[in-house]
Protein backbone atom coordinates (compact mmCIF):
# COMPACT_ATOMS: atom_id res chain seq x y z
CA UNK A 1 -3.61 48.50 122.10
CA UNK A 2 -5.32 46.29 119.44
CA UNK A 3 -7.85 43.88 120.96
CA UNK A 4 -7.17 40.19 120.33
CA UNK A 5 -9.73 37.80 118.80
CA UNK A 6 -11.11 35.10 121.03
CA UNK A 7 -10.62 31.45 120.10
CA UNK A 8 -14.36 31.12 119.47
CA UNK A 9 -14.37 34.04 117.05
CA UNK A 10 -11.39 32.54 115.17
CA UNK A 11 -13.19 29.21 114.95
CA UNK A 12 -16.30 30.87 113.50
CA UNK A 13 -14.23 32.70 110.88
CA UNK A 14 -12.41 29.51 109.85
CA UNK A 15 -15.75 27.71 109.67
CA UNK A 16 -17.06 30.48 107.44
CA UNK A 17 -14.10 30.17 105.10
CA UNK A 18 -14.51 26.41 105.02
CA UNK A 19 -18.19 26.82 104.17
CA UNK A 20 -17.35 29.17 101.32
CA UNK A 21 -14.79 26.64 99.99
CA UNK A 22 -17.39 23.91 100.29
CA UNK A 23 -20.01 25.96 98.44
CA UNK A 24 -17.48 26.76 95.73
CA UNK A 25 -16.58 23.07 95.44
CA UNK A 26 -20.26 22.10 95.33
CA UNK A 27 -20.94 24.61 92.57
CA UNK A 28 -17.95 23.29 90.64
CA UNK A 29 -19.02 19.66 90.86
CA UNK A 30 -22.69 20.57 90.32
CA UNK A 31 -21.66 22.27 87.09
CA UNK A 32 -19.74 19.18 85.99
CA UNK A 33 -22.62 16.90 87.07
CA UNK A 34 -25.07 18.93 84.99
CA UNK A 35 -22.95 19.49 81.91
CA UNK A 36 -21.21 16.15 81.43
CA UNK A 37 -22.48 14.21 78.38
CA UNK A 38 -22.42 10.83 80.16
CA UNK A 39 -25.44 9.76 82.19
CA UNK A 40 -24.78 9.74 85.96
CA UNK A 41 -26.76 8.03 88.74
CA UNK A 42 -25.91 8.26 92.44
CA UNK A 43 -27.57 5.81 94.86
CA UNK A 44 -26.82 4.96 98.49
CA UNK A 45 -25.77 1.66 100.07
CA UNK A 46 -29.47 0.67 100.35
CA UNK A 47 -29.95 1.11 96.61
CA UNK A 48 -32.04 4.32 96.82
CA UNK A 49 -31.31 6.74 93.97
CA UNK A 50 -30.30 10.12 95.38
CA UNK A 51 -29.61 12.03 92.16
CA UNK A 52 -29.35 11.77 88.37
CA UNK A 53 -27.98 14.30 85.89
CA UNK A 54 -29.68 15.85 82.82
CA UNK A 55 -27.74 13.62 80.42
CA UNK A 56 -29.35 10.51 81.93
CA UNK A 57 -32.80 12.06 81.62
CA UNK A 58 -32.14 12.84 77.97
CA UNK A 59 -30.84 9.32 77.34
CA UNK A 60 -33.86 7.60 78.92
CA UNK A 61 -36.53 10.13 77.93
CA UNK A 62 -37.75 10.51 81.55
CA UNK A 63 -37.69 13.41 84.01
CA UNK A 64 -35.56 13.47 87.17
CA UNK A 65 -38.49 12.69 89.51
CA UNK A 66 -38.90 9.29 87.83
CA UNK A 67 -35.57 8.27 89.40
CA UNK A 68 -34.83 10.21 92.58
CA UNK A 69 -36.05 8.40 95.71
CA UNK A 70 -36.71 5.16 93.79
CA UNK A 71 -34.95 1.85 94.35
CA UNK A 72 -32.29 1.25 91.70
CA UNK A 73 -33.46 -2.37 91.33
CA UNK A 74 -37.03 -1.26 90.63
CA UNK A 75 -35.90 1.36 88.12
CA UNK A 76 -33.76 -1.24 86.31
CA UNK A 77 -36.79 -3.55 86.04
CA UNK A 78 -38.78 -0.77 84.33
CA UNK A 79 -36.12 -0.18 81.69
CA UNK A 80 -34.52 -3.54 80.95
CA UNK A 81 -35.49 -7.14 80.39
CA UNK A 82 -34.01 -10.56 79.70
CA UNK A 83 -30.26 -11.05 79.89
CA UNK A 84 -29.63 -7.30 79.96
CA UNK A 85 -31.79 -6.94 83.11
CA UNK A 86 -29.96 -9.84 84.76
CA UNK A 87 -26.64 -8.18 83.99
CA UNK A 88 -27.71 -4.77 85.34
CA UNK A 89 -29.25 -6.26 88.51
CA UNK A 90 -26.08 -8.24 89.20
CA UNK A 91 -24.00 -5.11 88.68
CA UNK A 92 -26.09 -3.07 91.14
CA UNK A 93 -26.02 -5.88 93.68
CA UNK A 94 -22.26 -6.28 93.44
CA UNK A 95 -21.73 -2.53 93.78
CA UNK A 96 -23.93 -2.38 96.91
CA UNK A 97 -21.98 -5.30 98.39
CA UNK A 98 -18.73 -3.40 98.08
CA UNK A 99 -17.30 -4.52 94.73
CA UNK A 100 -14.92 -1.64 93.91
CA UNK A 101 -15.80 -1.40 90.23
CA UNK A 102 -17.74 -3.20 87.51
CA UNK A 103 -18.15 -2.50 83.77
CA UNK A 104 -20.50 -3.95 81.12
CA UNK A 105 -21.77 -3.21 77.64
CA UNK A 106 -25.57 -3.40 77.44
CA UNK A 107 -28.36 -2.72 74.93
CA UNK A 108 -31.12 -0.20 75.62
CA UNK A 109 -33.80 0.27 72.97
CA UNK A 110 -31.77 0.85 69.78
CA UNK A 111 -28.71 2.12 71.66
CA UNK A 112 -25.50 0.48 72.85
CA UNK A 113 -24.42 1.61 76.35
CA UNK A 114 -21.27 1.23 78.41
CA UNK A 115 -22.31 0.83 82.08
CA UNK A 116 -19.69 1.38 84.79
CA UNK A 117 -20.38 1.40 88.56
CA UNK A 118 -17.90 2.59 91.20
CA UNK A 119 -18.18 2.39 94.99
CA UNK A 120 -17.17 5.54 96.86
CA UNK A 121 -14.18 5.16 99.15
CA UNK A 122 -16.40 5.94 102.15
CA UNK A 123 -18.78 3.16 100.99
CA UNK A 124 -21.74 5.52 101.48
CA UNK A 125 -22.93 5.23 97.91
CA UNK A 126 -22.42 4.12 94.35
CA UNK A 127 -21.86 6.19 91.22
CA UNK A 128 -23.10 4.65 87.99
CA UNK A 129 -21.80 6.12 84.71
CA UNK A 130 -23.70 5.32 81.51
CA UNK A 131 -22.11 6.27 78.20
CA UNK A 132 -23.87 6.02 74.85
CA UNK A 133 -21.38 4.30 72.51
CA UNK A 134 -23.79 3.54 69.67
CA UNK A 135 -22.05 5.81 67.17
CA UNK A 136 -18.67 4.48 68.17
CA UNK A 137 -19.91 0.92 67.71
CA UNK A 138 -21.28 1.80 64.28
CA UNK A 139 -18.00 3.50 63.36
CA UNK A 140 -15.93 0.52 64.49
CA UNK A 141 -18.15 -1.91 62.59
CA UNK A 142 -17.92 0.25 59.46
CA UNK A 143 -14.16 0.48 59.94
CA UNK A 144 -13.86 -3.31 60.13
CA UNK A 145 -16.11 -3.62 57.08
CA UNK A 146 -14.01 -1.08 55.15
CA UNK A 147 -10.83 -2.90 56.20
CA UNK A 148 -12.23 -6.23 54.97
CA UNK A 149 -13.34 -4.63 51.71
CA UNK A 150 -9.89 -3.07 51.21
CA UNK A 151 -8.17 -6.40 51.87
CA UNK A 152 -10.52 -8.14 49.45
CA UNK A 153 -9.88 -5.42 46.87
CA UNK A 154 -6.12 -5.86 47.29
CA UNK A 155 -6.52 -9.62 46.94
CA UNK A 156 -8.52 -9.20 43.73
CA UNK A 157 -5.98 -6.68 42.39
CA UNK A 158 -3.15 -9.10 43.11
CA UNK A 159 -5.03 -11.91 41.38
CA UNK A 160 -5.89 -9.69 38.41
CA UNK A 161 -2.32 -8.44 37.94
CA UNK A 162 -0.82 -11.91 38.25
CA UNK A 163 -3.40 -13.33 35.85
CA UNK A 164 -2.88 -10.50 33.34
CA UNK A 165 0.87 -11.06 33.45
CA UNK A 166 0.40 -14.77 32.81
CA UNK A 167 -2.16 -14.38 30.03
CA UNK A 168 0.00 -11.84 28.18
CA UNK A 169 3.36 -13.54 28.62
CA UNK A 170 2.10 -16.93 27.43
CA UNK A 171 1.28 -15.88 23.81
CA UNK A 172 4.35 -13.61 23.78
CA UNK A 173 6.42 -16.71 24.54
CA UNK A 174 5.25 -18.28 21.28
CA UNK A 175 5.65 -15.07 19.22
CA UNK A 176 9.19 -14.32 20.39
CA UNK A 177 10.21 -17.98 20.68
CA UNK A 178 9.23 -18.98 17.14
CA UNK A 179 10.79 -15.76 15.81
CA UNK A 180 14.07 -16.85 17.39
CA UNK A 181 13.78 -20.32 15.85
CA UNK A 182 13.06 -18.89 12.39
CA UNK A 183 16.07 -16.62 12.72
CA UNK A 184 18.26 -19.69 13.29
CA UNK A 185 17.37 -21.17 9.89
CA UNK A 186 20.35 -20.93 7.54
CA UNK A 187 18.35 -21.11 4.29
CA UNK A 188 16.58 -17.79 4.82
CA UNK A 189 17.31 -14.88 2.52
CA UNK A 190 18.12 -11.44 3.91
CA UNK A 191 14.58 -10.12 3.46
CA UNK A 192 13.16 -12.95 5.60
CA UNK A 193 15.78 -12.33 8.23
CA UNK A 194 14.84 -8.65 8.32
CA UNK A 195 11.14 -9.48 8.66
CA UNK A 196 11.86 -11.89 11.50
CA UNK A 197 14.02 -9.26 13.21
CA UNK A 198 11.13 -6.78 12.98
CA UNK A 199 8.69 -9.28 14.49
CA UNK A 200 11.15 -10.03 17.27
CA UNK A 201 11.89 -6.37 18.01
CA UNK A 202 8.25 -5.26 17.95
CA UNK A 203 7.32 -8.22 20.13
CA UNK A 204 9.89 -7.00 22.65
CA UNK A 205 8.42 -3.48 22.40
CA UNK A 206 4.94 -4.82 23.11
CA UNK A 207 6.20 -6.86 26.04
CA UNK A 208 7.88 -3.78 27.54
CA UNK A 209 4.69 -1.72 27.24
CA UNK A 210 2.69 -4.48 28.91
CA UNK A 211 5.31 -4.82 31.66
CA UNK A 212 5.23 -1.05 32.30
CA UNK A 213 1.43 -1.02 32.59
CA UNK A 214 1.47 -3.95 35.02
CA UNK A 215 4.28 -2.41 37.07
CA UNK A 216 2.58 0.97 37.42
CA UNK A 217 -0.65 -0.80 38.41
CA UNK A 218 1.24 -2.74 41.09
CA UNK A 219 2.83 0.49 42.34
CA UNK A 220 -0.57 2.15 42.66
CA UNK A 221 -1.87 -0.89 44.54
CA UNK A 222 1.23 -0.97 46.78
CA UNK A 223 1.98 -4.48 45.54
CA UNK A 224 5.25 -4.02 43.66
CA UNK A 225 7.79 -6.14 45.52
CA UNK A 226 11.57 -5.99 45.67
CA UNK A 227 13.57 -9.19 46.22
CA UNK A 228 17.17 -8.53 47.22
CA UNK A 229 19.78 -11.24 46.67
CA UNK A 230 23.51 -11.52 46.18
CA UNK A 231 24.60 -10.89 42.61
CA UNK A 232 27.10 -9.16 40.35
CA UNK A 233 26.33 -5.77 38.85
CA UNK A 234 28.86 -6.54 36.12
CA UNK A 235 26.44 -9.22 34.83
CA UNK A 236 23.86 -6.48 34.19
CA UNK A 237 26.45 -4.42 32.30
CA UNK A 238 27.46 -7.44 30.22
CA UNK A 239 23.84 -8.34 29.36
CA UNK A 240 22.98 -4.79 28.31
CA UNK A 241 26.20 -4.38 26.31
CA UNK A 242 25.37 -7.57 24.38
CA UNK A 243 21.75 -6.51 23.91
CA UNK A 244 22.51 -3.08 22.44
CA UNK A 245 25.50 -4.35 20.47
CA UNK A 246 23.21 -6.87 18.74
CA UNK A 247 21.13 -4.14 17.10
CA UNK A 248 18.53 -3.69 19.81
CA UNK A 249 17.81 -0.24 18.35
CA UNK A 250 17.88 0.94 14.76
CA UNK A 251 20.58 3.61 14.53
CA UNK A 252 23.42 2.06 16.53
CA UNK A 253 25.81 2.80 13.64
CA UNK A 254 25.47 6.56 14.21
CA UNK A 255 25.60 6.36 18.01
CA UNK A 256 28.55 4.97 19.98
CA UNK A 257 27.55 2.87 22.97
CA UNK A 258 30.02 3.30 25.82
CA UNK A 259 30.11 1.02 28.85
CA UNK A 260 32.07 2.66 31.65
CA UNK A 261 31.93 0.34 34.67
CA UNK A 262 34.51 1.81 37.08
CA UNK A 263 33.81 -0.74 39.81
CA UNK A 264 36.60 -3.17 40.62
CA UNK A 265 35.72 -6.88 40.67
CA UNK A 266 34.69 -7.12 44.33
CA UNK A 267 32.74 -3.84 44.19
CA UNK A 268 30.47 -5.42 41.59
CA UNK A 269 29.30 -7.88 44.26
CA UNK A 270 26.05 -6.45 45.61
CA UNK A 271 22.96 -7.40 47.55
CA UNK A 272 20.05 -5.95 45.62
CA UNK A 273 17.36 -6.84 43.08
CA UNK A 274 19.47 -7.06 39.92
CA UNK A 275 16.45 -7.73 37.69
CA UNK A 276 15.04 -4.34 38.74
CA UNK A 277 18.41 -2.62 38.28
CA UNK A 278 18.55 -4.04 34.76
CA UNK A 279 15.00 -2.82 34.14
CA UNK A 280 15.96 0.73 35.20
CA UNK A 281 19.09 0.76 33.03
CA UNK A 282 17.07 -0.60 30.09
CA UNK A 283 14.45 2.16 30.45
CA UNK A 284 17.11 4.88 30.64
CA UNK A 285 19.17 3.48 27.76
CA UNK A 286 16.15 3.08 25.49
CA UNK A 287 15.15 6.71 26.12
CA UNK A 288 18.74 7.86 25.56
CA UNK A 289 19.04 6.11 22.18
CA UNK A 290 15.65 7.45 21.08
CA UNK A 291 16.71 11.04 21.82
CA UNK A 292 20.21 10.71 20.28
CA UNK A 293 20.49 10.72 16.50
CA UNK A 294 24.29 10.84 16.55
CA UNK A 295 27.06 11.02 19.12
CA UNK A 296 27.15 8.67 22.09
CA UNK A 297 25.19 6.97 24.84
CA UNK A 298 27.10 5.97 27.96
CA UNK A 299 26.19 3.79 30.92
CA UNK A 300 28.46 3.59 33.93
CA UNK A 301 28.91 3.06 37.64
CA UNK A 302 31.41 3.88 40.38
CA UNK A 303 31.62 3.47 44.13
CA UNK A 304 31.04 6.46 46.40
CA UNK A 305 31.22 5.76 50.16
CA UNK A 306 28.30 3.49 51.09
CA UNK A 307 26.49 3.59 47.73
CA UNK A 308 27.08 2.87 44.07
CA UNK A 309 26.48 5.78 41.71
CA UNK A 310 25.10 4.70 38.33
CA UNK A 311 24.39 6.85 35.31
CA UNK A 312 23.14 6.91 31.73
CA UNK A 313 24.42 9.84 29.70
CA UNK A 314 23.74 10.88 26.11
CA UNK A 315 24.66 13.61 23.65
CA UNK A 316 21.10 13.97 22.40
CA UNK A 317 18.47 16.69 22.46
CA UNK A 318 18.52 17.30 26.20
CA UNK A 319 15.51 18.15 28.35
CA UNK A 320 14.15 21.71 28.76
CA UNK A 321 14.35 23.03 32.33
CA UNK A 322 10.58 23.41 32.65
CA UNK A 323 10.14 19.73 31.72
CA UNK A 324 12.75 18.50 34.21
CA UNK A 325 10.35 19.17 37.11
CA UNK A 326 7.68 16.81 35.74
CA UNK A 327 9.69 14.26 33.74
CA UNK A 328 9.46 11.65 36.53
CA UNK A 329 5.66 11.93 36.77
CA UNK A 330 3.68 9.10 35.20
CA UNK A 331 2.43 9.64 31.64
CA UNK A 332 4.64 12.73 31.24
CA UNK A 333 7.08 13.06 28.32
CA UNK A 334 9.39 15.75 26.99
CA UNK A 335 7.24 16.20 23.87
CA UNK A 336 3.59 15.70 24.80
CA UNK A 337 2.12 16.28 21.36
CA UNK A 338 0.36 13.04 20.47
CA UNK A 339 1.26 13.64 16.79
CA UNK A 340 4.98 13.84 17.53
CA UNK A 341 7.17 10.92 16.48
CA UNK A 342 9.32 11.48 19.56
CA UNK A 343 6.26 10.78 21.70
CA UNK A 344 6.52 7.00 21.32
CA UNK A 345 6.11 4.99 24.51
CA UNK A 346 3.77 5.01 27.49
CA UNK A 347 5.37 7.81 29.49
CA UNK A 348 5.71 5.38 32.41
CA UNK A 349 9.35 4.30 32.19
CA UNK A 350 10.92 7.12 34.21
CA UNK A 351 8.18 7.08 36.84
CA UNK A 352 8.59 3.33 37.28
CA UNK A 353 12.39 3.60 37.32
CA UNK A 354 12.39 6.26 40.03
CA UNK A 355 9.89 4.26 42.09
CA UNK A 356 12.02 1.11 41.78
CA UNK A 357 15.22 2.87 42.83
CA UNK A 358 13.47 4.36 45.87
CA UNK A 359 12.14 0.90 46.80
CA UNK A 360 15.75 -0.33 46.60
CA UNK A 361 16.80 2.41 49.04
CA UNK A 362 18.40 4.80 46.53
CA UNK A 363 17.66 8.08 44.74
CA UNK A 364 17.33 9.18 41.11
CA UNK A 365 17.85 12.61 39.59
CA UNK A 366 18.56 14.36 36.29
CA UNK A 367 21.11 16.86 34.97
CA UNK A 368 20.49 18.30 31.52
CA UNK A 369 20.65 21.35 29.31
CA UNK A 370 18.47 21.68 26.26
CA UNK A 371 20.47 20.80 23.14
CA UNK A 372 23.42 19.46 25.15
CA UNK A 373 22.24 15.99 26.11
CA UNK A 374 21.11 14.59 29.45
CA UNK A 375 22.49 12.48 32.27
CA UNK A 376 20.28 10.44 34.58
CA UNK A 377 21.91 9.42 37.87
CA UNK A 378 20.75 6.91 40.46
CA UNK A 379 22.25 5.34 43.55
CA UNK A 380 21.87 1.95 45.17
CA UNK A 381 23.04 1.08 48.71
CA UNK A 382 26.33 -0.82 48.88
CA UNK A 383 27.77 -3.17 51.49
CA UNK A 384 30.87 -5.29 50.82
CA UNK A 385 29.91 -8.90 50.16
CA UNK A 386 31.47 -12.06 48.78
CA UNK A 387 30.18 -14.02 45.78
CA UNK A 388 31.77 -17.00 44.09
CA UNK A 389 32.89 -16.11 40.55
CA UNK A 390 31.45 -19.13 38.75
CA UNK A 391 31.36 -18.97 34.99
CA UNK A 392 27.84 -18.05 33.86
CA UNK A 393 28.66 -17.43 30.22
CA UNK A 394 25.89 -18.46 27.84
CA UNK A 395 26.90 -21.01 25.24
CA UNK A 396 25.64 -21.05 21.70
CA UNK A 397 22.73 -23.47 21.31
CA UNK A 398 24.46 -25.52 18.59
CA UNK A 399 26.97 -27.04 21.04
CA UNK A 400 24.41 -28.98 23.08
CA UNK A 401 24.01 -32.67 22.40
CA UNK A 402 21.97 -34.59 24.95
CA UNK A 403 21.86 -37.99 23.29
CA UNK A 404 20.85 -40.60 25.87
CA UNK A 405 19.12 -38.02 28.12
CA UNK A 406 15.35 -37.83 28.61
CA UNK A 407 13.24 -34.78 29.38
CA UNK A 408 9.56 -34.59 30.40
CA UNK A 409 7.89 -31.33 29.33
CA UNK A 410 4.67 -30.58 31.25
CA UNK A 411 2.86 -27.77 29.41
CA UNK A 412 -0.83 -27.21 28.61
CA UNK A 413 -0.40 -24.41 26.05
CA UNK A 414 -0.14 -26.05 22.62
CA UNK A 415 1.91 -23.23 21.06
CA UNK A 416 4.42 -23.31 23.91
CA UNK A 417 4.62 -27.09 23.63
CA UNK A 418 5.30 -26.74 19.89
CA UNK A 419 8.05 -24.23 20.63
CA UNK A 420 9.76 -26.55 23.15
CA UNK A 421 9.50 -29.46 20.70
CA UNK A 422 11.08 -27.45 17.87
CA UNK A 423 13.84 -26.01 20.07
CA UNK A 424 14.79 -29.17 21.95
CA UNK A 425 14.61 -31.52 18.96
CA UNK A 426 17.93 -30.01 17.83
CA UNK A 427 19.68 -31.36 20.95
CA UNK A 428 18.88 -35.09 20.35
CA UNK A 429 17.24 -35.28 23.79
CA UNK A 430 14.47 -37.86 24.20
CA UNK A 431 11.29 -35.88 24.89
CA UNK A 432 8.14 -36.93 26.72
CA UNK A 433 5.15 -34.62 26.84
CA UNK A 434 2.27 -34.14 29.27
CA UNK A 435 -0.42 -31.46 29.16
CA UNK A 436 -1.61 -31.87 32.76
CA UNK A 437 -0.65 -33.24 36.16
CA UNK A 438 -2.57 -36.49 35.73
CA UNK A 439 -0.62 -37.46 32.60
CA UNK A 440 2.68 -36.51 34.24
CA UNK A 441 1.96 -38.76 37.25
CA UNK A 442 1.03 -41.65 34.97
CA UNK A 443 4.31 -41.31 33.05
CA UNK A 444 6.34 -41.40 36.24
CA UNK A 445 4.49 -44.45 37.60
CA UNK A 446 5.49 -46.35 34.43
CA UNK A 447 9.08 -46.15 35.66
CA UNK A 448 10.26 -44.56 32.40
CA UNK A 449 13.82 -43.20 32.31
CA UNK A 450 13.22 -39.50 33.00
CA UNK A 451 16.24 -37.37 33.91
CA UNK A 452 14.59 -33.96 34.08
CA UNK A 453 11.19 -32.22 34.08
CA UNK A 454 10.40 -28.86 32.49
CA UNK A 455 7.29 -27.88 34.47
CA UNK A 456 4.70 -25.22 33.72
CA UNK A 457 3.38 -23.77 36.98
CA UNK A 458 -0.20 -23.16 35.82
CA UNK A 459 -1.86 -26.39 34.74
CA UNK A 460 -5.55 -27.19 34.19
CA UNK A 461 -5.83 -29.75 37.00
CA UNK A 462 -3.16 -28.95 39.59
CA UNK A 463 -0.98 -26.21 41.01
CA UNK A 464 2.51 -26.66 39.53
CA UNK A 465 4.23 -26.09 42.89
CA UNK A 466 2.19 -28.90 44.46
CA UNK A 467 2.84 -31.16 41.47
CA UNK A 468 6.58 -30.59 41.85
CA UNK A 469 6.39 -31.83 45.45
CA UNK A 470 4.38 -34.88 44.34
CA UNK A 471 6.83 -35.79 41.57
CA UNK A 472 9.79 -35.44 43.92
CA UNK A 473 8.10 -37.73 46.44
CA UNK A 474 7.90 -40.33 43.64
CA UNK A 475 11.43 -39.66 42.28
CA UNK A 476 13.57 -37.80 44.87
CA UNK A 477 16.53 -37.55 42.46
CA UNK A 478 14.45 -35.86 39.73
CA UNK A 479 15.64 -32.45 38.50
CA UNK A 480 12.68 -30.09 37.96
CA UNK A 481 12.96 -26.73 36.20
CA UNK A 482 9.97 -24.41 36.58
CA UNK A 483 8.95 -22.48 33.47
CA UNK A 484 6.13 -20.00 33.92
CA UNK A 485 4.53 -16.77 32.79
CA UNK A 486 4.27 -15.87 36.50
CA UNK A 487 7.63 -14.17 36.20
CA UNK A 488 8.34 -12.33 39.48
CA UNK A 489 11.12 -13.00 41.96
CA UNK A 490 8.42 -14.15 44.38
CA UNK A 491 7.47 -16.87 41.88
CA UNK A 492 11.13 -17.87 41.61
CA UNK A 493 11.29 -18.26 45.39
CA UNK A 494 8.07 -20.30 45.43
CA UNK A 495 9.47 -22.68 42.83
CA UNK A 496 12.63 -23.13 44.89
CA UNK A 497 10.61 -23.91 48.03
CA UNK A 498 8.63 -26.55 46.11
CA UNK A 499 11.87 -28.36 45.21
CA UNK A 500 12.59 -27.03 41.72
CA UNK A 501 16.31 -26.69 40.96
CA UNK A 502 15.84 -23.64 38.71
CA UNK A 503 13.33 -21.22 37.20
CA UNK A 504 12.82 -19.82 33.67
CA UNK A 505 10.34 -16.93 33.13
CA UNK A 506 8.28 -16.53 29.98
CA UNK A 507 8.82 -15.27 27.34
CA UNK A 508 11.73 -17.70 27.41
CA UNK A 509 15.19 -16.77 26.21
CA UNK A 510 16.09 -19.96 24.33
CA UNK A 511 19.84 -19.67 25.01
CA UNK A 512 19.20 -19.22 28.72
CA UNK A 513 16.84 -22.22 28.77
CA UNK A 514 19.38 -24.44 27.01
CA UNK A 515 22.14 -23.31 29.34
CA UNK A 516 20.07 -24.10 32.43
CA UNK A 517 19.02 -27.54 31.15
CA UNK A 518 22.64 -28.34 30.31
CA UNK A 519 23.68 -27.25 33.81
CA UNK A 520 21.62 -30.06 35.40
CA UNK A 521 22.09 -32.81 32.78
């Protein structure tokens, strides 16, 4: 028969197991206490320090015996002074009085410390945790500094790009504008007409190069914006058909231009940035004509589910397979020999076009075989929408006669002012001129009969948007048309918010300007 254990023996065995568990737990927490990187202080309800860990000794530069057995208040006095000492003393006092938890950030020598004190649930003591956050503080300060520098850099980039656009477009307005006016002279012989056409065409080439450089710079800076509005895709097709039919490129006689818009009337109604769509088509068409000596170039569009598929196809040289993988990269071209005639252009058009389509929510890709032509496809999102079909056809400039009407032109660039004077003098309109905001205000205070204002946005003495608001406060019925070399959709929206009835970007298309003025006369 197996002897049974007495209750006392069982109690001793259970006590032994409990002791072993306790020792194991003590070793575990002693290990944590010794190895943790934060400084730890334990003091009782009377404020006497019972233990500190090695991390605290390392942080303060003192051995353990400098703390253990000492009053926490006395130790704090030895290490801190001023407002920091007051803060630490108040924290210790609050902890000893039973405040569950307190946390502060304090300075110690050249370090920044987070101090946190917690009362034990048994209220027999207080645990103080001190964490060195100096590096974190430095990192956060440097992060804020870097953020501010990045924002300032973006601001300067935005200013630079906007200013570059303005400074380039302003002289181009005079070059292209006066070329148009010369081309309207009936007495010119054919040679003069050809020379003027060359000036006009090369001016357009230069403007496109400049626009590409500015666009790619904005893309790199993350500042290229898309402005979606209701519009008709058919207007883009009509504009481009007229442009290329008017001899936009040299060998149109050998190359048939096919417009294949398969969208029905209502499907042409879209919500997108039509100016960017036109830019993409123009890039693709220009490349297609350059690579096609004879045959055809086709642009088209059709609806497919929730997107519109657009394409530009040609019967030209085609693109080798090895080049198709890099053709959308910036500065890359099919023929990258700088001596090659086919290497004209910046090599930015396709990269910009693909980036624009992706910003619009679509995709772009290429199908081509060398020697068999190429077809560039892109999609744009489509949602059914309604747009009034008002007649936006551009009239010929010789039908406008504004006898009895008066127009105030506010423009500080002398060449642009000369262009407006030469163009508008043909319409019999009475013109007033002002080169700054001060002169414009003076003219309006004289109560002169002014029906409309053609307002430059950048003036030497005032912001054009602010001037528009001022003039409208003086004459609420005044019609103001903004004309500016700040030519983005954002600028158009700004002009509208300032009270302008319309917006004309530079370089100015003279037929478009005349049409808009006539619209509000």
